[in-house]
């Protein structure tokens, strides 16, 4: 089973949905804007991707932080606390598929891992 985590109106998530559908793959979607995300799940992802790779520093949520607030996010625990409270700042999508983990949309990586 493939589980996709993200926000439905995100263009990158839409690309992932489209790719999955075009390749005949079924998936379950977890909208963490509506459902939230646990700190435990963020810990798990941090283990696979590194906490630095979970934080979307190109998005508007990050951009709205002051320089001082950004400088406060200096380690895994602080990042997880921030991301749990600001799910829009998580890079997306995150995909879990039978013990494999993907972050962002990368067609080649999706082909290698999911097909």
PDB file of N, CA and C in Angstrom:
ATOM      1  N   UNK A   1       0.842  -1.186   0.000  1.00  0.00           N
ATOM      2  CA  UNK A   1       0.000   0.000   0.000  1.00  0.00           C
ATOM      3  C   UNK A   1       0.879   1.237   0.000  1.00  0.00           C
ATOM      4  N   UNK A   2       0.528   2.168  -0.831  1.00  0.00           N
ATOM      5  CA  UNK A   2       1.244   3.438  -0.930  1.00  0.00           C
ATOM      6  C   UNK A   2       0.447   4.481  -0.157  1.00  0.00           C
ATOM      7  N   UNK A   3       1.132   5.201   0.700  1.00  0.00           N
ATOM      8  CA  UNK A   3       0.495   6.286   1.445  1.00  0.00           C
ATOM      9  C   UNK A   3       1.206   7.582   1.095  1.00  0.00           C
ATOM     10  N   UNK A   4       0.418   8.567   0.682  1.00  0.00           N
ATOM     11  CA  UNK A   4       0.942   9.869   0.294  1.00  0.00           C
ATOM     12  C   UNK A   4       0.534  10.877   1.358  1.00  0.00           C
ATOM     13  N   UNK A   5       1.508  11.602   1.863  1.00  0.00           N
ATOM     14  CA  UNK A   5       1.273  12.650   2.852  1.00  0.00           C
ATOM     15  C   UNK A   5       1.525  13.999   2.197  1.00  0.00           C
ATOM     16  N   UNK A   6       0.646  14.947   2.458  1.00  0.00           N
ATOM     17  CA  UNK A   6       0.855  16.271   1.908  1.00  0.00           C
ATOM     18  C   UNK A   6      -0.369  17.141   2.049  1.00  0.00           C
ATOM     19  N   UNK A   7      -0.462  18.100   1.153  1.00  0.00           N
ATOM     20  CA  UNK A   7      -1.560  19.063   1.108  1.00  0.00           C
ATOM     21  C   UNK A   7      -2.133  18.993  -0.305  1.00  0.00           C
ATOM     22  N   UNK A   8      -3.437  18.795  -0.460  1.00  0.00           N
ATOM     23  CA  UNK A   8      -3.996  18.530  -1.790  1.00  0.00           C
ATOM     24  C   UNK A   8      -3.833  19.654  -2.808  1.00  0.00           C
ATOM     25  N   UNK A   9      -3.736  20.890  -2.376  1.00  0.00           N
ATOM     26  CA  UNK A   9      -3.619  21.982  -3.343  1.00  0.00           C
ATOM     27  C   UNK A   9      -2.173  22.302  -3.718  1.00  0.00           C
ATOM     28  N   UNK A  10      -1.228  21.528  -3.209  1.00  0.00           N
ATOM     29  CA  UNK A  10       0.194  21.715  -3.528  1.00  0.00           C
ATOM     30  C   UNK A  10       0.470  21.167  -4.932  1.00  0.00           C
ATOM     31  N   UNK A  11       1.122  21.958  -5.768  1.00  0.00           N
ATOM     32  CA  UNK A  11       1.417  21.527  -7.138  1.00  0.00           C
ATOM     33  C   UNK A  11       2.291  20.283  -7.190  1.00  0.00           C
ATOM     34  N   UNK A  12       3.229  20.163  -6.277  1.00  0.00           N
ATOM     35  CA  UNK A  12       4.113  18.994  -6.262  1.00  0.00           C
ATOM     36  C   UNK A  12       3.333  17.741  -5.870  1.00  0.00           C
ATOM     37  N   UNK A  13       2.417  17.872  -4.939  1.00  0.00           N
ATOM     38  CA  UNK A  13       1.555  16.745  -4.552  1.00  0.00           C
ATOM     39  C   UNK A  13       0.672  16.362  -5.742  1.00  0.00           C
ATOM     40  N   UNK A  14       0.151  17.346  -6.446  1.00  0.00           N
ATOM     41  CA  UNK A  14      -0.678  17.069  -7.635  1.00  0.00           C
ATOM     42  C   UNK A  14       0.119  16.304  -8.692  1.00  0.00           C
ATOM     43  N   UNK A  15       1.389  16.651  -8.873  1.00  0.00           N
ATOM     44  CA  UNK A  15       2.247  15.927  -9.818  1.00  0.00           C
ATOM     45  C   UNK A  15       2.407  14.469  -9.389  1.00  0.00           C
ATOM     46  N   UNK A  16       2.587  14.263  -8.098  1.00  0.00           N
ATOM     47  CA  UNK A  16       2.727  12.898  -7.584  1.00  0.00           C
ATOM     48  C   UNK A  16       1.437  12.111  -7.808  1.00  0.00           C
ATOM     49  N   UNK A  17       0.287  12.711  -7.507  1.00  0.00           N
ATOM     50  CA  UNK A  17      -1.002  12.046  -7.743  1.00  0.00           C
ATOM     51  C   UNK A  17      -1.120  11.643  -9.209  1.00  0.00           C
ATOM     52  N   UNK A  18      -0.819  12.587 -10.093  1.00  0.00           N
ATOM     53  CA  UNK A  18      -0.937  12.338 -11.531  1.00  0.00           C
ATOM     54  C   UNK A  18      -0.028  11.190 -11.959  1.00  0.00           C
ATOM     55  N   UNK A  19       1.209  11.196 -11.487  1.00  0.00           N
ATOM     56  CA  UNK A  19       2.158  10.141 -11.842  1.00  0.00           C
ATOM     57  C   UNK A  19       1.671   8.793 -11.328  1.00  0.00           C
ATOM     58  N   UNK A  20       1.222   8.750 -10.091  1.00  0.00           N
ATOM     59  CA  UNK A  20       0.722   7.495  -9.519  1.00  0.00           C
ATOM     60  C   UNK A  20      -0.463   6.968 -10.323  1.00  0.00           C
ATOM     61  N   UNK A  21      -1.388   7.837 -10.660  1.00  0.00           N
ATOM     62  CA  UNK A  21      -2.567   7.436 -11.433  1.00  0.00           C
ATOM     63  C   UNK A  21      -2.172   6.960 -12.831  1.00  0.00           C
ATOM     64  N   UNK A  22      -1.272   7.679 -13.486  1.00  0.00           N
ATOM     65  CA  UNK A  22      -0.831   7.292 -14.830  1.00  0.00           C
ATOM     66  C   UNK A  22      -0.151   5.929 -14.834  1.00  0.00           C
ATOM     67  N   UNK A  23       0.445   5.565 -13.705  1.00  0.00           N
ATOM     68  CA  UNK A  23       1.137   4.286 -13.599  1.00  0.00           C
ATOM     69  C   UNK A  23       0.289   3.208 -12.935  1.00  0.00           C
ATOM     70  N   UNK A  24      -0.999   3.493 -12.775  1.00  0.00           N
ATOM     71  CA  UNK A  24      -1.935   2.503 -12.254  1.00  0.00           C
ATOM     72  C   UNK A  24      -1.712   2.117 -10.807  1.00  0.00           C
ATOM     73  N   UNK A  25      -1.130   2.998 -10.036  1.00  0.00           N
ATOM     74  CA  UNK A  25      -0.848   2.704  -8.633  1.00  0.00           C
ATOM     75  C   UNK A  25      -1.925   3.330  -7.745  1.00  0.00           C
ATOM     76  N   UNK A  26      -2.467   2.535  -6.859  1.00  0.00           N
ATOM     77  CA  UNK A  26      -3.453   3.051  -5.919  1.00  0.00           C
ATOM     78  C   UNK A  26      -2.735   3.538  -4.677  1.00  0.00           C
ATOM     79  N   UNK A  27      -3.334   4.511  -4.038  1.00  0.00           N
ATOM     80  CA  UNK A  27      -2.705   5.106  -2.873  1.00  0.00           C
ATOM     81  C   UNK A  27      -3.771   5.644  -1.935  1.00  0.00           C
ATOM     82  N   UNK A  28      -3.338   5.835  -0.712  1.00  0.00           N
ATOM     83  CA  UNK A  28      -4.160   6.490   0.303  1.00  0.00           C
ATOM     84  C   UNK A  28      -3.524   7.846   0.560  1.00  0.00           C
ATOM     85  N   UNK A  29      -4.350   8.871   0.725  1.00  0.00           N
ATOM     86  CA  UNK A  29      -3.825  10.214   0.934  1.00  0.00           C
ATOM     87  C   UNK A  29      -4.104  10.674   2.362  1.00  0.00           C
ATOM     88  N   UNK A  30      -3.070  11.228   2.986  1.00  0.00           N
ATOM     89  CA  UNK A  30      -3.190  11.819   4.322  1.00  0.00           C
ATOM     90  C   UNK A  30      -2.924  13.312   4.184  1.00  0.00           C
ATOM     91  N   UNK A  31      -3.970  14.094   4.339  1.00  0.00           N
ATOM     92  CA  UNK A  31      -3.874  15.555   4.269  1.00  0.00           C
ATOM     93  C   UNK A  31      -3.460  16.050   5.648  1.00  0.00           C
ATOM     94  N   UNK A  32      -2.173  16.364   5.810  1.00  0.00           N
ATOM     95  CA  UNK A  32      -1.737  16.757   7.148  1.00  0.00           C
ATOM     96  C   UNK A  32      -2.086  18.186   7.485  1.00  0.00           C
ATOM     97  N   UNK A  33      -2.642  18.902   6.554  1.00  0.00           N
ATOM     98  CA  UNK A  33      -3.178  20.228   6.879  1.00  0.00           C
ATOM     99  C   UNK A  33      -4.479  20.057   7.679  1.00  0.00           C
ATOM    100  N   UNK A  34      -5.280  19.061   7.291  1.00  0.00           N
ATOM    101  CA  UNK A  34      -6.553  18.807   7.978  1.00  0.00           C
ATOM    102  C   UNK A  34      -6.408  17.818   9.131  1.00  0.00           C
ATOM    103  N   UNK A  35      -5.617  16.758   8.917  1.00  0.00           N
ATOM    104  CA  UNK A  35      -5.506  15.684   9.906  1.00  0.00           C
ATOM    105  C   UNK A  35      -4.335  15.861  10.864  1.00  0.00           C
ATOM    106  N   UNK A  36      -3.430  16.762  10.514  1.00  0.00           N
ATOM    107  CA  UNK A  36      -2.234  16.935  11.342  1.00  0.00           C
ATOM    108  C   UNK A  36      -1.244  15.817  11.101  1.00  0.00           C
ATOM    109  N   UNK A  37      -0.180  15.850  11.844  1.00  0.00           N
ATOM    110  CA  UNK A  37       0.863  14.827  11.761  1.00  0.00           C
ATOM    111  C   UNK A  37       1.470  14.667  13.148  1.00  0.00           C
ATOM    112  N   UNK A  38       1.758  13.453  13.521  1.00  0.00           N
ATOM    113  CA  UNK A  38       2.291  13.215  14.863  1.00  0.00           C
ATOM    114  C   UNK A  38       3.794  13.500  14.907  1.00  0.00           C
ATOM    115  N   UNK A  39       4.244  13.815  16.091  1.00  0.00           N
ATOM    116  CA  UNK A  39       5.683  14.003  16.277  1.00  0.00           C
ATOM    117  C   UNK A  39       6.417  12.691  16.027  1.00  0.00           C
ATOM    118  N   UNK A  40       5.748  11.570  16.335  1.00  0.00           N
ATOM    119  CA  UNK A  40       6.357  10.257  16.099  1.00  0.00           C
ATOM    120  C   UNK A  40       6.584  10.029  14.602  1.00  0.00           C
ATOM    121  N   UNK A  41       5.618  10.416  13.787  1.00  0.00           N
ATOM    122  CA  UNK A  41       5.764  10.257  12.338  1.00  0.00           C
ATOM    123  C   UNK A  41       6.877  11.173  11.829  1.00  0.00           C
ATOM    124  N   UNK A  42       6.951  12.381  12.338  1.00  0.00           N
ATOM    125  CA  UNK A  42       8.029  13.298  11.954  1.00  0.00           C
ATOM    126  C   UNK A  42       9.388  12.745  12.375  1.00  0.00           C
ATOM    127  N   UNK A  43       9.451  12.107  13.539  1.00  0.00           N
ATOM    128  CA  UNK A  43      10.694  11.459  13.992  1.00  0.00           C
ATOM    129  C   UNK A  43      11.103  10.368  13.001  1.00  0.00           C
ATOM    130  N   UNK A  44      10.111   9.559  12.599  1.00  0.00           N
ATOM    131  CA  UNK A  44      10.368   8.468  11.647  1.00  0.00           C
ATOM    132  C   UNK A  44      10.918   9.027  10.333  1.00  0.00           C
ATOM    133  N   UNK A  45      10.263  10.051   9.812  1.00  0.00           N
ATOM    134  CA  UNK A  45      10.734  10.646   8.559  1.00  0.00           C
ATOM    135  C   UNK A  45      12.110  11.265   8.723  1.00  0.00           C
ATOM    136  N   UNK A  46      12.338  11.889   9.853  1.00  0.00           N
ATOM    137  CA  UNK A  46      13.634  12.494  10.131  1.00  0.00           C
ATOM    138  C   UNK A  46      14.733  11.432  10.093  1.00  0.00           C
ATOM    139  N   UNK A  47      14.406  10.251  10.580  1.00  0.00           N
ATOM    140  CA  UNK A  47      15.360   9.140  10.559  1.00  0.00           C
ATOM    141  C   UNK A  47      15.733   8.785   9.113  1.00  0.00           C
ATOM    142  N   UNK A  48      14.755   8.826   8.208  1.00  0.00           N
ATOM    143  CA  UNK A  48      14.989   8.439   6.815  1.00  0.00           C
ATOM    144  C   UNK A  48      15.568   9.564   5.956  1.00  0.00           C
ATOM    145  N   UNK A  49      15.132  10.790   6.193  1.00  0.00           N
ATOM    146  CA  UNK A  49      15.524  11.897   5.322  1.00  0.00           C
ATOM    147  C   UNK A  49      16.484  12.891   5.963  1.00  0.00           C
ATOM    148  N   UNK A  50      16.576  12.876   7.287  1.00  0.00           N
ATOM    149  CA  UNK A  50      17.292  13.925   8.009  1.00  0.00           C
ATOM    150  C   UNK A  50      16.342  15.085   8.258  1.00  0.00           C
ATOM    151  N   UNK A  51      16.388  15.664   9.438  1.00  0.00           N
ATOM    152  CA  UNK A  51      15.435  16.731   9.769  1.00  0.00           C
ATOM    153  C   UNK A  51      15.569  17.931   8.846  1.00  0.00           C
ATOM    154  N   UNK A  52      16.793  18.200   8.385  1.00  0.00           N
ATOM    155  CA  UNK A  52      17.022  19.349   7.501  1.00  0.00           C
ATOM    156  C   UNK A  52      16.257  19.205   6.189  1.00  0.00           C
ATOM    157  N   UNK A  53      16.104  17.971   5.716  1.00  0.00           N
ATOM    158  CA  UNK A  53      15.406  17.724   4.456  1.00  0.00           C
ATOM    159  C   UNK A  53      13.892  17.750   4.598  1.00  0.00           C
ATOM    160  N   UNK A  54      13.389  17.712   5.807  1.00  0.00           N
ATOM    161  CA  UNK A  54      11.941  17.782   6.015  1.00  0.00           C
ATOM    162  C   UNK A  54      11.414  19.208   5.961  1.00  0.00           C
ATOM    163  N   UNK A  55      12.255  20.161   6.293  1.00  0.00           N
ATOM    164  CA  UNK A  55      11.823  21.557   6.368  1.00  0.00           C
ATOM    165  C   UNK A  55      11.846  22.178   4.972  1.00  0.00           C
ATOM    166  N   UNK A  56      10.677  22.652   4.542  1.00  0.00           N
ATOM    167  CA  UNK A  56      10.554  23.297   3.241  1.00  0.00           C
ATOM    168  C   UNK A  56      10.940  24.770   3.390  1.00  0.00           C
ATOM    169  N   UNK A  57      12.185  25.057   3.085  1.00  0.00           N
ATOM    170  CA  UNK A  57      12.690  26.426   3.251  1.00  0.00           C
ATOM    171  C   UNK A  57      12.390  27.311   2.045  1.00  0.00           C
ATOM    172  N   UNK A  58      11.713  26.759   1.046  1.00  0.00           N
ATOM    173  CA  UNK A  58      11.356  27.556  -0.136  1.00  0.00           C
ATOM    174  C   UNK A  58       9.894  27.984  -0.097  1.00  0.00           C
ATOM    175  N   UNK A  59       9.142  27.506   0.879  1.00  0.00           N
ATOM    176  CA  UNK A  59       7.721  27.795   0.945  1.00  0.00           C
ATOM    177  C   UNK A  59       7.391  29.083   1.681  1.00  0.00           C
ATOM    178  N   UNK A  60       6.138  29.477   1.577  1.00  0.00           N
ATOM    179  CA  UNK A  60       5.704  30.726   2.197  1.00  0.00           C
ATOM    180  C   UNK A  60       5.660  30.633   3.722  1.00  0.00           C
ATOM    181  N   UNK A  61       5.393  29.450   4.259  1.00  0.00           N
ATOM    182  CA  UNK A  61       5.350  29.307   5.724  1.00  0.00           C
ATOM    183  C   UNK A  61       6.708  29.652   6.320  1.00  0.00           C
ATOM    184  N   UNK A  62       7.769  29.133   5.729  1.00  0.00           N
ATOM    185  CA  UNK A  62       9.132  29.430   6.188  1.00  0.00           C
ATOM    186  C   UNK A  62       9.466  30.901   5.963  1.00  0.00           C
ATOM    187  N   UNK A  63       9.061  31.414   4.807  1.00  0.00           N
ATOM    188  CA  UNK A  63       9.364  32.805   4.462  1.00  0.00           C
ATOM    189  C   UNK A  63       8.710  33.794   5.427  1.00  0.00           C
ATOM    190  N   UNK A  64       7.599  33.405   6.020  1.00  0.00           N
ATOM    191  CA  UNK A  64       6.895  34.297   6.944  1.00  0.00           C
ATOM    192  C   UNK A  64       7.547  34.366   8.326  1.00  0.00           C
ATOM    193  N   UNK A  65       8.475  33.460   8.584  1.00  0.00           N
ATOM    194  CA  UNK A  65       9.186  33.502   9.866  1.00  0.00           C
ATOM    195  C   UNK A  65      10.188  34.657   9.873  1.00  0.00           C
ATOM    196  N   UNK A  66      10.412  35.187  11.045  1.00  0.00           N
ATOM    197  CA  UNK A  66      11.459  36.201  11.158  1.00  0.00           C
ATOM    198  C   UNK A  66      12.821  35.499  11.108  1.00  0.00           C
ATOM    199  N   UNK A  67      13.861  36.258  10.864  1.00  0.00           N
ATOM    200  CA  UNK A  67      15.210  35.689  10.856  1.00  0.00           C
ATOM    201  C   UNK A  67      15.519  35.023  12.188  1.00  0.00           C
ATOM    202  N   UNK A  68      15.077  35.656  13.270  1.00  0.00           N
ATOM    203  CA  UNK A  68      15.320  35.105  14.606  1.00  0.00           C
ATOM    204  C   UNK A  68      14.622  33.749  14.769  1.00  0.00           C
ATOM    205  N   UNK A  69      13.381  33.649  14.286  1.00  0.00           N
ATOM    206  CA  UNK A  69      12.644  32.384  14.392  1.00  0.00           C
ATOM    207  C   UNK A  69      13.316  31.282  13.566  1.00  0.00           C
ATOM    208  N   UNK A  70      13.769  31.634  12.377  1.00  0.00           N
ATOM    209  CA  UNK A  70      14.461  30.648  11.531  1.00  0.00           C
ATOM    210  C   UNK A  70      15.736  30.155  12.203  1.00  0.00           C
ATOM    211  N   UNK A  71      16.448  31.075  12.831  1.00  0.00           N
ATOM    212  CA  UNK A  71      17.709  30.707  13.470  1.00  0.00           C
ATOM    213  C   UNK A  71      17.501  29.832  14.709  1.00  0.00           C
ATOM    214  N   UNK A  72      16.287  29.811  15.229  1.00  0.00           N
ATOM    215  CA  UNK A  72      15.970  28.972  16.396  1.00  0.00           C
ATOM    216  C   UNK A  72      15.856  27.492  16.017  1.00  0.00           C
ATOM    217  N   UNK A  73      15.591  27.205  14.762  1.00  0.00           N
ATOM    218  CA  UNK A  73      15.375  25.815  14.316  1.00  0.00           C
ATOM    219  C   UNK A  73      16.737  25.245  13.924  1.00  0.00           C
ATOM    220  N   UNK A  74      17.427  24.740  14.941  1.00  0.00           N
ATOM    221  CA  UNK A  74      18.820  24.336  14.765  1.00  0.00           C
ATOM    222  C   UNK A  74      19.084  22.853  14.998  1.00  0.00           C
ATOM    223  N   UNK A  75      18.041  22.102  15.366  1.00  0.00           N
ATOM    224  CA  UNK A  75      18.257  20.678  15.594  1.00  0.00           C
ATOM    225  C   UNK A  75      16.955  19.903  15.349  1.00  0.00           C
ATOM    226  N   UNK A  76      17.043  18.597  15.411  1.00  0.00           N
ATOM    227  CA  UNK A  76      15.901  17.737  15.086  1.00  0.00           C
ATOM    228  C   UNK A  76      14.704  18.011  15.983  1.00  0.00           C
ATOM    229  N   UNK A  77      14.899  18.111  17.268  1.00  0.00           N
ATOM    230  CA  UNK A  77      13.779  18.313  18.185  1.00  0.00           C
ATOM    231  C   UNK A  77      13.052  19.634  17.932  1.00  0.00           C
ATOM    232  N   UNK A  78      13.814  20.685  17.704  1.00  0.00           N
ATOM    233  CA  UNK A  78      13.198  21.989  17.420  1.00  0.00           C
ATOM    234  C   UNK A  78      12.471  21.965  16.075  1.00  0.00           C
ATOM    235  N   UNK A  79      13.068  21.300  15.090  1.00  0.00           N
ATOM    236  CA  UNK A  79      12.438  21.203  13.771  1.00  0.00           C
ATOM    237  C   UNK A  79      11.140  20.408  13.852  1.00  0.00           C
ATOM    238  N   UNK A  80      11.146  19.314  14.574  1.00  0.00           N
ATOM    239  CA  UNK A  80       9.944  18.487  14.689  1.00  0.00           C
ATOM    240  C   UNK A  80       8.837  19.246  15.411  1.00  0.00           C
ATOM    241  N   UNK A  81       9.192  19.963  16.453  1.00  0.00           N
ATOM    242  CA  UNK A  81       8.194  20.768  17.162  1.00  0.00           C
ATOM    243  C   UNK A  81       7.601  21.812  16.212  1.00  0.00           C
ATOM    244  N   UNK A  82       8.453  22.492  15.454  1.00  0.00           N
ATOM    245  CA  UNK A  82       7.996  23.494  14.498  1.00  0.00           C
ATOM    246  C   UNK A  82       7.098  22.873  13.424  1.00  0.00           C
ATOM    247  N   UNK A  83       7.520  21.744  12.848  1.00  0.00           N
ATOM    248  CA  UNK A  83       6.760  21.113  11.767  1.00  0.00           C
ATOM    249  C   UNK A  83       5.425  20.550  12.245  1.00  0.00           C
ATOM    250  N   UNK A  84       5.386  20.043  13.457  1.00  0.00           N
ATOM    251  CA  UNK A  84       4.127  19.525  14.005  1.00  0.00           C
ATOM    252  C   UNK A  84       3.092  20.643  14.140  1.00  0.00           C
ATOM    253  N   UNK A  85       3.571  21.842  14.420  1.00  0.00           N
ATOM    254  CA  UNK A  85       2.682  22.995  14.579  1.00  0.00           C
ATOM    255  C   UNK A  85       2.437  23.735  13.268  1.00  0.00           C
ATOM    256  N   UNK A  86       3.302  23.525  12.289  1.00  0.00           N
ATOM    257  CA  UNK A  86       3.230  24.233  11.005  1.00  0.00           C
ATOM    258  C   UNK A  86       3.389  23.221   9.869  1.00  0.00           C
ATOM    259  N   UNK A  87       2.369  22.402   9.669  1.00  0.00           N
ATOM    260  CA  UNK A  87       2.482  21.303   8.705  1.00  0.00           C
ATOM    261  C   UNK A  87       2.741  21.790   7.281  1.00  0.00           C
ATOM    262  N   UNK A  88       2.370  23.008   6.978  1.00  0.00           N
ATOM    263  CA  UNK A  88       2.629  23.545   5.634  1.00  0.00           C
ATOM    264  C   UNK A  88       4.121  23.688   5.365  1.00  0.00           C
ATOM    265  N   UNK A  89       4.939  23.639   6.394  1.00  0.00           N
ATOM    266  CA  UNK A  89       6.386  23.784   6.233  1.00  0.00           C
ATOM    267  C   UNK A  89       7.095  22.451   5.998  1.00  0.00           C
ATOM    268  N   UNK A  90       6.338  21.350   5.929  1.00  0.00           N
ATOM    269  CA  UNK A  90       6.939  20.048   5.648  1.00  0.00           C
ATOM    270  C   UNK A  90       7.085  19.916   4.135  1.00  0.00           C
ATOM    271  N   UNK A  91       8.261  19.507   3.672  1.00  0.00           N
ATOM    272  CA  UNK A  91       8.431  19.255   2.238  1.00  0.00           C
ATOM    273  C   UNK A  91       7.427  18.195   1.841  1.00  0.00           C
ATOM    274  N   UNK A  92       6.937  18.313   0.615  1.00  0.00           N
ATOM    275  CA  UNK A  92       5.901  17.389   0.199  1.00  0.00           C
ATOM    276  C   UNK A  92       6.019  17.062  -1.279  1.00  0.00           C
ATOM    277  N   UNK A  93       5.422  15.929  -1.608  1.00  0.00           N
ATOM    278  CA  UNK A  93       4.805  14.951  -0.729  1.00  0.00           C
ATOM    279  C   UNK A  93       5.846  14.050  -0.070  1.00  0.00           C
ATOM    280  N   UNK A  94       5.410  13.392   0.984  1.00  0.00           N
ATOM    281  CA  UNK A  94       6.169  12.297   1.570  1.00  0.00           C
ATOM    282  C   UNK A  94       5.385  11.043   1.215  1.00  0.00           C
ATOM    283  N   UNK A  95       6.089  10.048   0.708  1.00  0.00           N
ATOM    284  CA  UNK A  95       5.446   8.802   0.317  1.00  0.00           C
ATOM    285  C   UNK A  95       6.066   7.655   1.089  1.00  0.00           C
ATOM    286  N   UNK A  96       5.198   6.815   1.622  1.00  0.00           N
ATOM    287  CA  UNK A  96       5.612   5.575   2.266  1.00  0.00           C
ATOM    288  C   UNK A  96       5.033   4.434   1.446  1.00  0.00           C
ATOM    289  N   UNK A  97       5.887   3.496   1.090  1.00  0.00           N
ATOM    290  CA  UNK A  97       5.436   2.355   0.288  1.00  0.00           C
ATOM    291  C   UNK A  97       6.215   1.111   0.687  1.00  0.00           C
ATOM    292  N   UNK A  98       5.565   0.249   1.460  1.00  0.00           N
ATOM    293  CA  UNK A  98       6.163  -1.030   1.843  1.00  0.00           C
ATOM    294  C   UNK A  98       7.576  -0.875   2.398  1.00  0.00           C
ATOM    295  N   UNK A  99       7.724   0.002   3.366  1.00  0.00           N
ATOM    296  CA  UNK A  99       9.006   0.194   4.026  1.00  0.00           C
ATOM    297  C   UNK A  99       9.977   1.107   3.280  1.00  0.00           C
ATOM    298  N   UNK A 100       9.542   1.667   2.159  1.00  0.00           N
ATOM    299  CA  UNK A 100      10.377   2.594   1.398  1.00  0.00           C
ATOM    300  C   UNK A 100       9.806   3.991   1.566  1.00  0.00           C
ATOM    301  N   UNK A 101      10.693   4.969   1.567  1.00  0.00           N
ATOM    302  CA  UNK A 101      10.296   6.350   1.823  1.00  0.00           C
ATOM    303  C   UNK A 101      10.817   7.264   0.719  1.00  0.00           C
ATOM    304  N   UNK A 102       9.939   8.151   0.250  1.00  0.00           N
ATOM    305  CA  UNK A 102      10.306   9.147  -0.755  1.00  0.00           C
ATOM    306  C   UNK A 102       9.848  10.518  -0.278  1.00  0.00           C
ATOM    307  N   UNK A 103      10.604  11.540  -0.654  1.00  0.00           N
ATOM    308  CA  UNK A 103      10.202  12.905  -0.322  1.00  0.00           C
ATOM    309  C   UNK A 103      10.352  13.740  -1.586  1.00  0.00           C
ATOM    310  N   UNK A 104       9.372  14.647  -1.798  1.00  0.00           N
ATOM    311  CA  UNK A 104       9.288  15.485  -2.982  1.00  0.00           C
ATOM    312  C   UNK A 104       8.886  14.644  -4.188  1.00  0.00           C
ATOM    313  N   UNK A 105       8.778  15.263  -5.334  1.00  0.00           N
ATOM    314  CA  UNK A 105       8.444  14.533  -6.550  1.00  0.00           C
ATOM    315  C   UNK A 105       9.658  14.458  -7.446  1.00  0.00           C
ATOM    316  N   UNK A 106      10.073  13.232  -7.735  1.00  0.00           N
ATOM    317  CA  UNK A 106      11.189  12.977  -8.632  1.00  0.00           C
ATOM    318  C   UNK A 106      10.788  11.753  -9.452  1.00  0.00           C
ATOM    319  N   UNK A 107      10.427  11.995 -10.702  1.00  0.00           N
ATOM    320  CA  UNK A 107       9.889  10.925 -11.542  1.00  0.00           C
ATOM    321  C   UNK A 107      10.815   9.716 -11.624  1.00  0.00           C
ATOM    322  N   UNK A 108      12.098   9.939 -11.802  1.00  0.00           N
ATOM    323  CA  UNK A 108      13.069   8.831 -11.897  1.00  0.00           C
ATOM    324  C   UNK A 108      13.095   8.035 -10.596  1.00  0.00           C
ATOM    325  N   UNK A 109      13.115   8.732  -9.483  1.00  0.00           N
ATOM    326  CA  UNK A 109      13.132   8.063  -8.185  1.00  0.00           C
ATOM    327  C   UNK A 109      11.831   7.271  -7.980  1.00  0.00           C
ATOM    328  N   UNK A 110      10.717   7.839  -8.381  1.00  0.00           N
ATOM    329  CA  UNK A 110       9.436   7.150  -8.263  1.00  0.00           C
ATOM    330  C   UNK A 110       9.456   5.862  -9.104  1.00  0.00           C
ATOM    331  N   UNK A 111       9.973   5.963 -10.325  1.00  0.00           N
ATOM    332  CA  UNK A 111      10.064   4.777 -11.190  1.00  0.00           C
ATOM    333  C   UNK A 111      10.926   3.707 -10.546  1.00  0.00           C
ATOM    334  N   UNK A 112      12.082   4.094 -10.042  1.00  0.00           N
ATOM    335  CA  UNK A 112      13.024   3.142  -9.445  1.00  0.00           C
ATOM    336  C   UNK A 112      12.440   2.454  -8.216  1.00  0.00           C
ATOM    337  N   UNK A 113      11.693   3.190  -7.414  1.00  0.00           N
ATOM    338  CA  UNK A 113      11.228   2.665  -6.124  1.00  0.00           C
ATOM    339  C   UNK A 113       9.820   2.053  -6.198  1.00  0.00           C
ATOM    340  N   UNK A 114       8.948   2.663  -6.976  1.00  0.00           N
ATOM    341  CA  UNK A 114       7.541   2.256  -6.930  1.00  0.00           C
ATOM    342  C   UNK A 114       7.100   1.320  -8.050  1.00  0.00           C
ATOM    343  N   UNK A 115       7.896   1.234  -9.119  1.00  0.00           N
ATOM    344  CA  UNK A 115       7.490   0.351 -10.227  1.00  0.00           C
ATOM    345  C   UNK A 115       8.265  -0.953 -10.229  1.00  0.00           C
TER     346      UNK A 115
END
